[in-house]
Amino acid sequence: MVAGVPTGPVEVPDLVRAFADQIDDVVWRNELGGLTFVAGDRFLKWNPRGSGVDLEDERVRLIWARTIGHPVPEVLDLGRDDQGQVLVTRALDGEGAVSPTWVERPRDAVLAIAAGLRALHDKVPSAACPFRTPWIPADAPRPDDGAVVIHGDACAPNTIIGVDGRFVGHVDFGAIGVGDRWADLAIASLSLDWNYGEGWQDEFFAAYGIERDEDRIDYYRAAWNA
């Protein structure tokens, strides 16, 4: 299954309806069959039982990130039943970087994605982060310039952009941890090809302010795919 906006009818799980009488839209389906709905100024992220993802992990990471001061959605509630889990958050004031607005303005989106990752890596203190990114091997190469707090799922859709084109915040924070910034940069740059077409990676690295490290890009993309 490929992640993206669903193109056909979607059945709203009972658990989601228990937290929202009126669903405005379904805005995303992930590779695990999870669905994200919007209801007013709230987002309801539902994952099916057996997906291997526990939304409690994301809940605690979002709360931690807001405490530290990084812009992420406010957690409103978490529920579960026999079919799955739902995480309810308040919407950030912007749109995802792969909304039609930003797909039509790919350069602005690429700059905002780079700015968001730079802010995360530079401003959030790694010494204060108690989490580990699950897909990164325990024997990964040591970072050349020190460990940072990484998003862990830095694909383009997880950056939120304001109407002025500036980075507003991050979503899908269930895999943050401490590690090599290249774990984010390798995946973020790859996702640009998927969402905007090829040709934006060099501009992304320039906007972030770093030279390509092909060895680390290859390593982290292979780890991600594994």
N, C-alpha and C. Protein backbone atom coordinates (compact mmCIF):
# COMPACT_ATOMS: atom_id res chain seq x y z
N MET A 1 0.84 -1.19 0.00
CA MET A 1 0.00 0.00 0.00
C MET A 1 0.88 1.24 0.00
N VAL A 2 0.55 2.21 -0.84
CA VAL A 2 1.30 3.46 -0.93
C VAL A 2 0.57 4.53 -0.13
N ALA A 3 1.33 5.30 0.66
CA ALA A 3 0.72 6.37 1.45
C ALA A 3 0.24 7.49 0.54
N GLY A 4 -0.87 8.11 0.93
CA GLY A 4 -1.39 9.23 0.16
C GLY A 4 -2.83 9.53 0.54
N VAL A 5 -3.39 10.49 -0.16
CA VAL A 5 -4.79 10.84 0.06
C VAL A 5 -5.68 9.77 -0.57
N PRO A 6 -6.61 9.17 0.18
CA PRO A 6 -7.47 8.14 -0.41
C PRO A 6 -8.27 8.68 -1.59
N THR A 7 -8.41 7.85 -2.61
CA THR A 7 -9.12 8.28 -3.82
C THR A 7 -10.52 7.70 -3.92
N GLY A 8 -10.84 6.77 -3.05
CA GLY A 8 -12.18 6.17 -3.08
C GLY A 8 -12.87 6.29 -1.75
N PRO A 9 -14.03 5.66 -1.62
CA PRO A 9 -14.78 5.71 -0.36
C PRO A 9 -13.97 5.13 0.80
N VAL A 10 -14.13 5.72 1.96
CA VAL A 10 -13.43 5.27 3.16
C VAL A 10 -14.45 5.09 4.28
N GLU A 11 -14.42 3.93 4.91
CA GLU A 11 -15.31 3.68 6.05
C GLU A 11 -14.69 4.29 7.30
N VAL A 12 -15.45 5.09 7.99
CA VAL A 12 -14.96 5.73 9.21
C VAL A 12 -15.08 4.72 10.37
N PRO A 13 -13.97 4.38 11.03
CA PRO A 13 -14.03 3.43 12.14
C PRO A 13 -14.93 3.95 13.27
N ASP A 14 -15.57 3.02 13.96
CA ASP A 14 -16.44 3.40 15.07
C ASP A 14 -15.69 4.21 16.12
N LEU A 15 -14.44 3.86 16.37
CA LEU A 15 -13.66 4.56 17.38
C LEU A 15 -13.48 6.03 17.01
N VAL A 16 -13.28 6.30 15.74
CA VAL A 16 -13.14 7.69 15.29
C VAL A 16 -14.45 8.43 15.50
N ARG A 17 -15.56 7.80 15.16
CA ARG A 17 -16.86 8.44 15.34
C ARG A 17 -17.17 8.69 16.82
N ALA A 18 -16.57 7.90 17.69
CA ALA A 18 -16.79 8.10 19.12
C ALA A 18 -16.16 9.40 19.61
N PHE A 19 -15.18 9.90 18.86
CA PHE A 19 -14.51 11.14 19.24
C PHE A 19 -14.93 12.33 18.39
N ALA A 20 -15.74 12.10 17.36
CA ALA A 20 -16.17 13.19 16.48
C ALA A 20 -17.50 12.84 15.84
N ASP A 21 -18.54 13.59 16.17
CA ASP A 21 -19.86 13.34 15.58
C ASP A 21 -19.87 13.61 14.08
N GLN A 22 -19.11 14.63 13.67
CA GLN A 22 -19.09 15.03 12.27
C GLN A 22 -17.67 14.97 11.74
N ILE A 23 -17.44 14.15 10.73
CA ILE A 23 -16.14 14.05 10.07
C ILE A 23 -16.19 14.89 8.80
N ASP A 24 -15.25 15.83 8.67
CA ASP A 24 -15.24 16.69 7.49
C ASP A 24 -14.60 16.04 6.28
N ASP A 25 -13.51 15.27 6.53
CA ASP A 25 -12.79 14.69 5.40
C ASP A 25 -11.81 13.64 5.91
N VAL A 26 -11.36 12.79 5.01
CA VAL A 26 -10.24 11.90 5.29
C VAL A 26 -9.08 12.42 4.46
N VAL A 27 -7.96 12.68 5.10
CA VAL A 27 -6.88 13.40 4.42
C VAL A 27 -5.64 12.54 4.16
N TRP A 28 -5.59 11.33 4.74
CA TRP A 28 -4.38 10.53 4.52
C TRP A 28 -4.65 9.07 4.85
N ARG A 29 -4.00 8.19 4.08
CA ARG A 29 -3.94 6.76 4.39
C ARG A 29 -2.48 6.36 4.36
N ASN A 30 -1.99 5.71 5.43
CA ASN A 30 -0.58 5.33 5.43
C ASN A 30 -0.39 3.91 4.93
N GLU A 31 0.87 3.49 4.87
CA GLU A 31 1.20 2.18 4.30
C GLU A 31 0.68 1.01 5.14
N LEU A 32 0.32 1.30 6.39
CA LEU A 32 -0.15 0.26 7.30
C LEU A 32 -1.66 0.16 7.36
N GLY A 33 -2.34 0.98 6.55
CA GLY A 33 -3.79 1.00 6.57
C GLY A 33 -4.37 2.01 7.54
N GLY A 34 -3.51 2.80 8.20
CA GLY A 34 -3.98 3.84 9.08
C GLY A 34 -4.62 4.99 8.32
N LEU A 35 -5.53 5.68 8.95
CA LEU A 35 -6.27 6.77 8.31
C LEU A 35 -6.23 8.01 9.20
N THR A 36 -6.17 9.17 8.56
CA THR A 36 -6.24 10.43 9.29
C THR A 36 -7.44 11.22 8.81
N PHE A 37 -8.28 11.62 9.75
CA PHE A 37 -9.50 12.36 9.46
C PHE A 37 -9.39 13.76 10.03
N VAL A 38 -10.14 14.69 9.44
CA VAL A 38 -10.22 16.04 9.98
C VAL A 38 -11.66 16.30 10.39
N ALA A 39 -11.80 16.92 11.56
CA ALA A 39 -13.12 17.30 12.09
C ALA A 39 -12.97 18.68 12.72
N GLY A 40 -13.39 19.68 12.00
CA GLY A 40 -13.21 21.04 12.50
C GLY A 40 -11.75 21.39 12.60
N ASP A 41 -11.31 21.79 13.81
CA ASP A 41 -9.90 22.14 14.00
C ASP A 41 -9.11 20.99 14.63
N ARG A 42 -9.64 19.76 14.48
CA ARG A 42 -8.97 18.60 15.04
C ARG A 42 -8.62 17.59 13.96
N PHE A 43 -7.53 16.87 14.20
CA PHE A 43 -7.18 15.73 13.37
C PHE A 43 -7.30 14.47 14.22
N LEU A 44 -7.83 13.42 13.61
CA LEU A 44 -8.00 12.13 14.29
C LEU A 44 -7.22 11.08 13.50
N LYS A 45 -6.13 10.64 14.08
CA LYS A 45 -5.25 9.68 13.43
C LYS A 45 -5.57 8.30 13.96
N TRP A 46 -6.03 7.41 13.07
CA TRP A 46 -6.45 6.07 13.47
C TRP A 46 -5.52 5.04 12.87
N ASN A 47 -5.07 4.11 13.68
CA ASN A 47 -4.27 2.98 13.21
C ASN A 47 -4.97 1.68 13.56
N PRO A 48 -5.00 0.72 12.63
CA PRO A 48 -5.67 -0.56 12.92
C PRO A 48 -4.85 -1.41 13.89
N ARG A 49 -5.54 -2.23 14.64
CA ARG A 49 -4.86 -3.18 15.51
C ARG A 49 -4.00 -4.11 14.67
N GLY A 50 -2.79 -4.41 15.18
CA GLY A 50 -1.89 -5.30 14.45
C GLY A 50 -0.99 -4.59 13.48
N SER A 51 -1.06 -3.26 13.43
CA SER A 51 -0.22 -2.50 12.49
C SER A 51 1.24 -2.46 12.92
N GLY A 52 1.49 -2.75 14.20
CA GLY A 52 2.85 -2.66 14.72
C GLY A 52 3.21 -1.27 15.22
N VAL A 53 2.27 -0.34 15.15
CA VAL A 53 2.50 1.04 15.60
C VAL A 53 1.59 1.31 16.79
N ASP A 54 2.17 1.82 17.87
CA ASP A 54 1.41 2.19 19.06
C ASP A 54 1.34 3.71 19.12
N LEU A 55 0.15 4.27 18.97
CA LEU A 55 -0.01 5.72 18.98
C LEU A 55 0.31 6.35 20.33
N GLU A 56 0.39 5.53 21.37
CA GLU A 56 0.86 6.06 22.66
C GLU A 56 2.29 6.57 22.52
N ASP A 57 3.10 5.92 21.69
CA ASP A 57 4.47 6.40 21.46
C ASP A 57 4.47 7.80 20.88
N GLU A 58 3.58 8.04 19.94
CA GLU A 58 3.51 9.38 19.36
C GLU A 58 2.95 10.39 20.36
N ARG A 59 1.97 9.97 21.14
CA ARG A 59 1.38 10.89 22.12
C ARG A 59 2.44 11.43 23.06
N VAL A 60 3.26 10.54 23.63
CA VAL A 60 4.25 11.00 24.62
C VAL A 60 5.33 11.85 23.95
N ARG A 61 5.64 11.56 22.71
CA ARG A 61 6.66 12.35 22.00
C ARG A 61 6.14 13.74 21.65
N LEU A 62 4.89 13.83 21.25
CA LEU A 62 4.31 15.14 20.97
C LEU A 62 4.27 16.00 22.22
N ILE A 63 3.87 15.42 23.32
CA ILE A 63 3.82 16.18 24.57
C ILE A 63 5.22 16.65 24.96
N TRP A 64 6.21 15.77 24.81
CA TRP A 64 7.59 16.14 25.13
C TRP A 64 8.07 17.28 24.22
N ALA A 65 7.80 17.16 22.92
CA ALA A 65 8.27 18.17 21.97
C ALA A 65 7.67 19.53 22.27
N ARG A 66 6.38 19.57 22.62
CA ARG A 66 5.76 20.85 22.96
C ARG A 66 6.36 21.42 24.24
N THR A 67 6.70 20.56 25.18
CA THR A 67 7.33 21.03 26.41
C THR A 67 8.69 21.65 26.13
N ILE A 68 9.43 21.06 25.21
CA ILE A 68 10.74 21.57 24.82
C ILE A 68 10.63 22.86 24.01
N GLY A 69 9.49 23.02 23.30
CA GLY A 69 9.26 24.23 22.52
C GLY A 69 9.29 24.05 21.02
N HIS A 70 9.33 22.79 20.55
CA HIS A 70 9.28 22.58 19.10
C HIS A 70 7.82 22.55 18.65
N PRO A 71 7.50 23.18 17.52
CA PRO A 71 6.10 23.28 17.09
C PRO A 71 5.55 21.96 16.54
N VAL A 72 4.65 21.38 17.30
CA VAL A 72 3.94 20.16 16.91
C VAL A 72 2.50 20.31 17.39
N PRO A 73 1.59 19.48 16.90
CA PRO A 73 0.19 19.59 17.32
C PRO A 73 0.00 19.32 18.82
N GLU A 74 -0.99 19.99 19.38
CA GLU A 74 -1.38 19.75 20.77
C GLU A 74 -2.19 18.46 20.85
N VAL A 75 -1.81 17.60 21.77
CA VAL A 75 -2.54 16.35 21.99
C VAL A 75 -3.81 16.63 22.79
N LEU A 76 -4.94 16.15 22.27
CA LEU A 76 -6.22 16.34 22.95
C LEU A 76 -6.74 15.05 23.59
N ASP A 77 -6.48 13.91 22.95
CA ASP A 77 -7.03 12.67 23.50
C ASP A 77 -6.38 11.47 22.81
N LEU A 78 -6.51 10.33 23.42
CA LEU A 78 -6.07 9.06 22.85
C LEU A 78 -7.08 8.01 23.26
N GLY A 79 -7.56 7.23 22.29
CA GLY A 79 -8.52 6.19 22.60
C GLY A 79 -8.16 4.90 21.89
N ARG A 80 -8.74 3.80 22.36
CA ARG A 80 -8.50 2.50 21.74
C ARG A 80 -9.71 1.60 21.93
N ASP A 81 -9.86 0.67 21.01
CA ASP A 81 -10.87 -0.39 21.14
C ASP A 81 -10.29 -1.65 20.53
N ASP A 82 -11.14 -2.63 20.26
CA ASP A 82 -10.65 -3.91 19.74
C ASP A 82 -10.13 -3.81 18.31
N GLN A 83 -10.48 -2.72 17.62
CA GLN A 83 -10.09 -2.57 16.22
C GLN A 83 -8.84 -1.72 16.02
N GLY A 84 -8.53 -0.85 16.97
CA GLY A 84 -7.36 0.00 16.77
C GLY A 84 -7.26 1.10 17.79
N GLN A 85 -6.51 2.13 17.44
CA GLN A 85 -6.29 3.29 18.29
C GLN A 85 -6.57 4.56 17.51
N VAL A 86 -6.91 5.64 18.23
CA VAL A 86 -7.06 6.94 17.61
C VAL A 86 -6.35 7.98 18.47
N LEU A 87 -5.59 8.85 17.83
CA LEU A 87 -4.92 9.97 18.48
C LEU A 87 -5.56 11.25 17.98
N VAL A 88 -6.06 12.06 18.91
CA VAL A 88 -6.75 13.29 18.56
C VAL A 88 -5.84 14.47 18.87
N THR A 89 -5.60 15.32 17.88
CA THR A 89 -4.74 16.49 18.06
C THR A 89 -5.41 17.73 17.48
N ARG A 90 -4.95 18.88 17.94
CA ARG A 90 -5.44 20.14 17.39
C ARG A 90 -4.60 20.52 16.17
N ALA A 91 -5.26 21.01 15.15
CA ALA A 91 -4.57 21.34 13.90
C ALA A 91 -3.59 22.49 14.09
N LEU A 92 -2.46 22.41 13.40
CA LEU A 92 -1.55 23.55 13.30
C LEU A 92 -2.09 24.52 12.25
N ASP A 93 -1.62 25.75 12.31
CA ASP A 93 -2.13 26.79 11.42
C ASP A 93 -1.35 26.78 10.10
N GLY A 94 -1.67 25.79 9.27
CA GLY A 94 -1.00 25.67 7.98
C GLY A 94 -1.49 24.45 7.25
N GLU A 95 -0.78 24.10 6.16
CA GLU A 95 -1.12 22.94 5.35
C GLU A 95 0.10 22.04 5.22
N GLY A 96 -0.16 20.75 5.03
CA GLY A 96 0.93 19.83 4.78
C GLY A 96 1.67 20.17 3.51
N ALA A 97 2.96 19.84 3.48
CA ALA A 97 3.81 20.23 2.36
C ALA A 97 3.47 19.54 1.05
N VAL A 98 2.58 18.55 1.07
CA VAL A 98 2.17 17.91 -0.18
C VAL A 98 0.71 18.21 -0.49
N SER A 99 0.14 19.22 0.15
CA SER A 99 -1.19 19.68 -0.24
C SER A 99 -1.10 20.29 -1.64
N PRO A 100 -2.22 20.42 -2.35
CA PRO A 100 -2.17 21.00 -3.70
C PRO A 100 -1.49 22.37 -3.74
N THR A 101 -1.66 23.16 -2.68
CA THR A 101 -1.03 24.49 -2.64
C THR A 101 0.46 24.38 -2.84
N TRP A 102 1.10 23.45 -2.12
CA TRP A 102 2.57 23.39 -2.13
C TRP A 102 3.11 22.48 -3.21
N VAL A 103 2.33 21.53 -3.68
CA VAL A 103 2.77 20.76 -4.85
C VAL A 103 2.91 21.67 -6.06
N GLU A 104 2.07 22.72 -6.11
CA GLU A 104 2.18 23.69 -7.20
C GLU A 104 3.29 24.72 -6.97
N ARG A 105 3.84 24.74 -5.76
CA ARG A 105 4.94 25.65 -5.43
C ARG A 105 6.07 24.84 -4.79
N PRO A 106 6.67 23.94 -5.57
CA PRO A 106 7.62 23.00 -4.97
C PRO A 106 8.86 23.66 -4.38
N ARG A 107 9.35 24.71 -4.99
CA ARG A 107 10.55 25.35 -4.43
C ARG A 107 10.28 25.88 -3.03
N ASP A 108 9.14 26.55 -2.85
CA ASP A 108 8.80 27.07 -1.53
C ASP A 108 8.64 25.94 -0.53
N ALA A 109 8.05 24.83 -0.97
CA ALA A 109 7.88 23.69 -0.06
C ALA A 109 9.23 23.11 0.34
N VAL A 110 10.13 22.96 -0.62
CA VAL A 110 11.45 22.40 -0.34
C VAL A 110 12.20 23.28 0.66
N LEU A 111 12.12 24.59 0.50
CA LEU A 111 12.79 25.50 1.42
C LEU A 111 12.21 25.38 2.83
N ALA A 112 10.89 25.25 2.93
CA ALA A 112 10.25 25.12 4.24
C ALA A 112 10.61 23.81 4.91
N ILE A 113 10.67 22.74 4.15
CA ILE A 113 11.06 21.44 4.70
C ILE A 113 12.47 21.50 5.25
N ALA A 114 13.38 22.10 4.49
CA ALA A 114 14.76 22.24 4.94
C ALA A 114 14.84 23.10 6.20
N ALA A 115 14.09 24.18 6.23
CA ALA A 115 14.11 25.07 7.40
C ALA A 115 13.57 24.37 8.64
N GLY A 116 12.54 23.55 8.47
CA GLY A 116 11.97 22.84 9.60
C GLY A 116 12.94 21.83 10.19
N LEU A 117 13.62 21.09 9.34
CA LEU A 117 14.58 20.11 9.85
C LEU A 117 15.78 20.80 10.49
N ARG A 118 16.22 21.91 9.91
CA ARG A 118 17.33 22.65 10.52
C ARG A 118 16.92 23.15 11.91
N ALA A 119 15.71 23.63 12.05
CA ALA A 119 15.24 24.10 13.36
C ALA A 119 15.20 22.95 14.37
N LEU A 120 14.70 21.81 13.94
CA LEU A 120 14.64 20.65 14.83
C LEU A 120 16.03 20.22 15.26
N HIS A 121 16.91 20.09 14.29
CA HIS A 121 18.26 19.58 14.58
C HIS A 121 19.09 20.55 15.41
N ASP A 122 18.91 21.85 15.18
CA ASP A 122 19.76 22.84 15.85
C ASP A 122 19.22 23.32 17.18
N LYS A 123 17.91 23.35 17.33
CA LYS A 123 17.33 24.02 18.49
C LYS A 123 16.82 23.09 19.59
N VAL A 124 16.51 21.85 19.26
CA VAL A 124 16.00 20.93 20.27
C VAL A 124 17.18 20.21 20.91
N PRO A 125 17.36 20.31 22.21
CA PRO A 125 18.54 19.74 22.87
C PRO A 125 18.52 18.21 22.89
N SER A 126 19.52 17.61 22.26
CA SER A 126 19.55 16.15 22.19
C SER A 126 19.75 15.52 23.56
N ALA A 127 20.46 16.21 24.45
CA ALA A 127 20.70 15.64 25.78
C ALA A 127 19.41 15.47 26.57
N ALA A 128 18.38 16.21 26.21
CA ALA A 128 17.12 16.14 26.93
C ALA A 128 16.16 15.11 26.34
N CYS A 129 16.51 14.51 25.22
CA CYS A 129 15.59 13.62 24.52
C CYS A 129 15.74 12.18 25.03
N PRO A 130 14.67 11.58 25.53
CA PRO A 130 14.75 10.22 26.09
C PRO A 130 14.39 9.12 25.09
N PHE A 131 14.20 9.48 23.81
CA PHE A 131 13.64 8.52 22.86
C PHE A 131 14.69 8.01 21.87
N ARG A 132 14.35 6.89 21.23
CA ARG A 132 15.19 6.28 20.21
C ARG A 132 14.35 6.03 18.97
N THR A 133 14.92 6.28 17.81
CA THR A 133 14.23 6.02 16.54
C THR A 133 14.33 4.54 16.20
N PRO A 134 13.20 3.83 16.08
CA PRO A 134 13.24 2.36 16.03
C PRO A 134 13.89 1.76 14.80
N TRP A 135 13.87 2.45 13.66
CA TRP A 135 14.38 1.81 12.44
C TRP A 135 15.88 2.01 12.23
N ILE A 136 16.52 2.79 13.06
CA ILE A 136 17.96 3.03 12.90
C ILE A 136 18.74 1.93 13.61
N PRO A 137 19.65 1.24 12.91
CA PRO A 137 20.40 0.15 13.54
C PRO A 137 21.21 0.63 14.74
N ALA A 138 21.33 -0.24 15.72
CA ALA A 138 22.07 0.11 16.93
C ALA A 138 23.54 0.39 16.64
N ASP A 139 24.06 -0.22 15.57
CA ASP A 139 25.47 -0.03 15.23
C ASP A 139 25.65 0.97 14.08
N ALA A 140 24.72 1.91 13.94
CA ALA A 140 24.84 2.94 12.90
C ALA A 140 26.11 3.76 13.10
N PRO A 141 26.68 4.29 12.01
CA PRO A 141 27.89 5.10 12.15
C PRO A 141 27.68 6.28 13.08
N ARG A 142 28.71 6.64 13.82
CA ARG A 142 28.61 7.79 14.72
C ARG A 142 28.53 9.06 13.88
N PRO A 143 27.69 10.01 14.28
CA PRO A 143 27.58 11.27 13.53
C PRO A 143 28.90 12.03 13.53
N ASP A 144 29.24 12.60 12.37
CA ASP A 144 30.48 13.37 12.27
C ASP A 144 30.43 14.63 13.12
N ASP A 145 29.24 15.23 13.24
CA ASP A 145 29.13 16.53 13.91
C ASP A 145 28.24 16.47 15.14
N GLY A 146 28.14 15.31 15.75
CA GLY A 146 27.38 15.16 16.98
C GLY A 146 25.94 14.74 16.73
N ALA A 147 25.38 14.05 17.71
CA ALA A 147 24.00 13.59 17.60
C ALA A 147 23.03 14.74 17.80
N VAL A 148 21.89 14.65 17.12
CA VAL A 148 20.82 15.65 17.22
C VAL A 148 19.50 14.92 17.43
N VAL A 149 18.47 15.66 17.76
CA VAL A 149 17.12 15.09 17.79
C VAL A 149 16.62 15.02 16.35
N ILE A 150 16.26 13.82 15.92
CA ILE A 150 15.79 13.62 14.55
C ILE A 150 14.30 13.30 14.55
N HIS A 151 13.67 13.65 13.45
CA HIS A 151 12.23 13.40 13.31
C HIS A 151 11.95 11.91 13.23
N GLY A 152 12.74 11.20 12.45
CA GLY A 152 12.57 9.76 12.32
C GLY A 152 11.64 9.34 11.19
N ASP A 153 10.85 10.28 10.67
CA ASP A 153 9.97 10.03 9.51
C ASP A 153 9.84 11.35 8.77
N ALA A 154 10.97 11.81 8.25
CA ALA A 154 11.07 13.18 7.75
C ALA A 154 10.59 13.35 6.31
N CYS A 155 9.69 12.49 5.86
CA CYS A 155 9.12 12.62 4.52
C CYS A 155 8.37 13.96 4.40
N ALA A 156 8.31 14.47 3.19
CA ALA A 156 7.74 15.80 2.95
C ALA A 156 6.36 16.02 3.57
N PRO A 157 5.44 15.05 3.54
CA PRO A 157 4.10 15.32 4.09
C PRO A 157 4.08 15.69 5.57
N ASN A 158 5.16 15.41 6.28
CA ASN A 158 5.17 15.65 7.72
C ASN A 158 5.66 17.03 8.12
N THR A 159 5.87 17.90 7.14
CA THR A 159 6.14 19.31 7.40
C THR A 159 4.88 20.11 7.13
N ILE A 160 4.54 21.01 8.04
CA ILE A 160 3.39 21.90 7.88
C ILE A 160 3.90 23.30 7.54
N ILE A 161 3.27 23.92 6.54
CA ILE A 161 3.73 25.20 6.00
C ILE A 161 2.61 26.23 6.14
N GLY A 162 2.98 27.42 6.60
CA GLY A 162 2.01 28.50 6.75
C GLY A 162 1.71 29.19 5.43
N VAL A 163 0.71 30.08 5.43
CA VAL A 163 0.30 30.76 4.20
C VAL A 163 1.42 31.62 3.64
N ASP A 164 2.36 32.02 4.49
CA ASP A 164 3.48 32.84 4.03
C ASP A 164 4.63 32.01 3.49
N GLY A 165 4.48 30.69 3.45
CA GLY A 165 5.52 29.82 2.92
C GLY A 165 6.56 29.40 3.92
N ARG A 166 6.38 29.78 5.17
CA ARG A 166 7.37 29.44 6.19
C ARG A 166 6.98 28.16 6.93
N PHE A 167 7.99 27.50 7.44
CA PHE A 167 7.79 26.31 8.27
C PHE A 167 6.95 26.66 9.49
N VAL A 168 5.91 25.85 9.74
CA VAL A 168 5.01 26.05 10.89
C VAL A 168 5.22 24.98 11.95
N GLY A 169 5.44 23.75 11.54
CA GLY A 169 5.60 22.68 12.52
C GLY A 169 5.73 21.33 11.85
N HIS A 170 5.87 20.30 12.69
CA HIS A 170 5.99 18.92 12.23
C HIS A 170 4.83 18.08 12.76
N VAL A 171 4.47 17.06 12.01
CA VAL A 171 3.49 16.07 12.44
C VAL A 171 4.10 14.68 12.31
N ASP A 172 3.34 13.65 12.70
CA ASP A 172 3.81 12.26 12.67
C ASP A 172 5.13 12.13 13.42
N PHE A 173 5.07 12.38 14.72
CA PHE A 173 6.26 12.44 15.55
C PHE A 173 6.50 11.15 16.33
N GLY A 174 5.99 10.04 15.84
CA GLY A 174 6.08 8.81 16.60
C GLY A 174 7.41 8.11 16.56
N ALA A 175 8.37 8.62 15.77
CA ALA A 175 9.67 7.94 15.65
C ALA A 175 10.84 8.85 15.99
N ILE A 176 10.58 9.97 16.67
CA ILE A 176 11.71 10.85 16.99
C ILE A 176 12.68 10.15 17.93
N GLY A 177 13.91 10.59 17.88
CA GLY A 177 14.94 10.04 18.74
C GLY A 177 16.22 10.83 18.57
N VAL A 178 17.28 10.35 19.15
CA VAL A 178 18.58 11.00 19.04
C VAL A 178 19.43 10.21 18.07
N GLY A 179 20.05 10.90 17.11
CA GLY A 179 20.86 10.21 16.14
C GLY A 179 21.54 11.15 15.18
N ASP A 180 21.92 10.62 14.04
CA ASP A 180 22.62 11.35 13.00
C ASP A 180 21.62 12.15 12.17
N ARG A 181 21.89 13.43 11.96
CA ARG A 181 20.99 14.25 11.15
C ARG A 181 20.76 13.65 9.76
N TRP A 182 21.72 12.85 9.27
CA TRP A 182 21.56 12.26 7.94
C TRP A 182 20.44 11.23 7.88
N ALA A 183 20.03 10.71 9.02
CA ALA A 183 18.87 9.81 9.02
C ALA A 183 17.62 10.55 8.55
N ASP A 184 17.51 11.82 8.90
CA ASP A 184 16.41 12.66 8.40
C ASP A 184 16.69 13.17 6.99
N LEU A 185 17.90 13.68 6.77
CA LEU A 185 18.19 14.32 5.49
C LEU A 185 18.13 13.33 4.33
N ALA A 186 18.56 12.10 4.56
CA ALA A 186 18.51 11.10 3.50
C ALA A 186 17.09 10.80 3.07
N ILE A 187 16.19 10.67 4.05
CA ILE A 187 14.81 10.32 3.74
C ILE A 187 14.02 11.53 3.24
N ALA A 188 14.25 12.68 3.85
CA ALA A 188 13.54 13.89 3.39
C ALA A 188 13.87 14.18 1.94
N SER A 189 15.15 14.11 1.58
CA SER A 189 15.55 14.42 0.20
C SER A 189 14.98 13.40 -0.78
N LEU A 190 14.96 12.12 -0.38
CA LEU A 190 14.37 11.09 -1.25
C LEU A 190 12.89 11.35 -1.48
N SER A 191 12.19 11.78 -0.43
CA SER A 191 10.75 11.99 -0.56
C SER A 191 10.40 13.16 -1.48
N LEU A 192 11.35 14.07 -1.68
CA LEU A 192 11.10 15.16 -2.62
C LEU A 192 10.84 14.61 -4.02
N ASP A 193 11.58 13.59 -4.41
CA ASP A 193 11.37 12.98 -5.73
C ASP A 193 9.97 12.41 -5.84
N TRP A 194 9.49 11.78 -4.77
CA TRP A 194 8.16 11.17 -4.81
C TRP A 194 7.06 12.22 -4.93
N ASN A 195 7.24 13.35 -4.26
CA ASN A 195 6.15 14.31 -4.13
C ASN A 195 6.21 15.47 -5.11
N TYR A 196 7.40 15.85 -5.56
CA TYR A 196 7.52 17.02 -6.44
C TYR A 196 8.22 16.71 -7.75
N GLY A 197 8.67 15.49 -7.94
CA GLY A 197 9.45 15.15 -9.11
C GLY A 197 10.93 15.34 -8.85
N GLU A 198 11.74 14.73 -9.67
CA GLU A 198 13.18 14.80 -9.45
C GLU A 198 13.72 16.20 -9.73
N GLY A 199 14.86 16.51 -9.11
CA GLY A 199 15.54 17.76 -9.39
C GLY A 199 15.59 18.74 -8.25
N TRP A 200 15.03 18.37 -7.06
CA TRP A 200 14.98 19.31 -5.95
C TRP A 200 15.95 18.99 -4.83
N GLN A 201 16.65 17.88 -4.91
CA GLN A 201 17.49 17.48 -3.80
C GLN A 201 18.64 18.46 -3.56
N ASP A 202 19.30 18.90 -4.61
CA ASP A 202 20.43 19.83 -4.42
C ASP A 202 19.98 21.13 -3.77
N GLU A 203 18.79 21.61 -4.16
CA GLU A 203 18.29 22.83 -3.55
C GLU A 203 17.94 22.60 -2.08
N PHE A 204 17.44 21.44 -1.78
CA PHE A 204 17.14 21.10 -0.39
C PHE A 204 18.41 21.13 0.46
N PHE A 205 19.46 20.47 0.01
CA PHE A 205 20.70 20.45 0.79
C PHE A 205 21.31 21.84 0.91
N ALA A 206 21.22 22.63 -0.15
CA ALA A 206 21.73 24.00 -0.09
C ALA A 206 20.94 24.83 0.92
N ALA A 207 19.63 24.66 0.93
CA ALA A 207 18.80 25.42 1.86
C ALA A 207 19.07 25.00 3.30
N TYR A 208 19.30 23.73 3.51
CA TYR A 208 19.63 23.24 4.86
C TYR A 208 21.02 23.74 5.28
N GLY A 209 21.91 23.87 4.28
CA GLY A 209 23.26 24.35 4.55
C GLY A 209 24.26 23.24 4.79
N ILE A 210 24.26 22.22 3.91
CA ILE A 210 25.14 21.08 4.09
C ILE A 210 25.50 20.49 2.73
N GLU A 211 26.70 19.92 2.65
CA GLU A 211 27.11 19.22 1.43
C GLU A 211 26.62 17.78 1.48
N ARG A 212 26.28 17.24 0.33
CA ARG A 212 25.83 15.85 0.26
C ARG A 212 26.89 14.91 0.81
N ASP A 213 26.47 13.95 1.58
CA ASP A 213 27.33 12.87 2.06
C ASP A 213 26.75 11.58 1.51
N GLU A 214 27.27 11.15 0.37
CA GLU A 214 26.66 10.02 -0.34
C GLU A 214 26.70 8.74 0.47
N ASP A 215 27.77 8.53 1.23
CA ASP A 215 27.85 7.30 2.02
C ASP A 215 26.74 7.24 3.06
N ARG A 216 26.51 8.36 3.76
CA ARG A 216 25.47 8.37 4.78
C ARG A 216 24.07 8.37 4.16
N ILE A 217 23.91 9.04 3.05
CA ILE A 217 22.63 8.98 2.34
C ILE A 217 22.29 7.54 1.98
N ASP A 218 23.25 6.83 1.38
CA ASP A 218 23.02 5.44 0.98
C ASP A 218 22.73 4.56 2.20
N TYR A 219 23.49 4.79 3.28
CA TYR A 219 23.32 3.95 4.48
C TYR A 219 21.92 4.11 5.05
N TYR A 220 21.49 5.34 5.23
CA TYR A 220 20.20 5.55 5.90
C TYR A 220 19.02 5.24 5.00
N ARG A 221 19.17 5.39 3.71
CA ARG A 221 18.09 4.98 2.81
C ARG A 221 17.95 3.45 2.82
N ALA A 222 19.07 2.76 2.87
CA ALA A 222 19.02 1.29 2.93
C ALA A 222 18.39 0.84 4.24
N ALA A 223 18.76 1.49 5.35
CA ALA A 223 18.17 1.13 6.65
C ALA A 223 16.68 1.39 6.66
N TRP A 224 16.27 2.51 6.07
CA TRP A 224 14.85 2.87 5.98
C TRP A 224 14.09 1.81 5.18
N ASN A 225 14.62 1.44 4.04
CA ASN A 225 13.94 0.46 3.18
C ASN A 225 13.89 -0.92 3.83
N ALA A 226 14.88 -1.22 4.67
CA ALA A 226 14.92 -2.54 5.32
C ALA A 226 13.86 -2.64 6.42
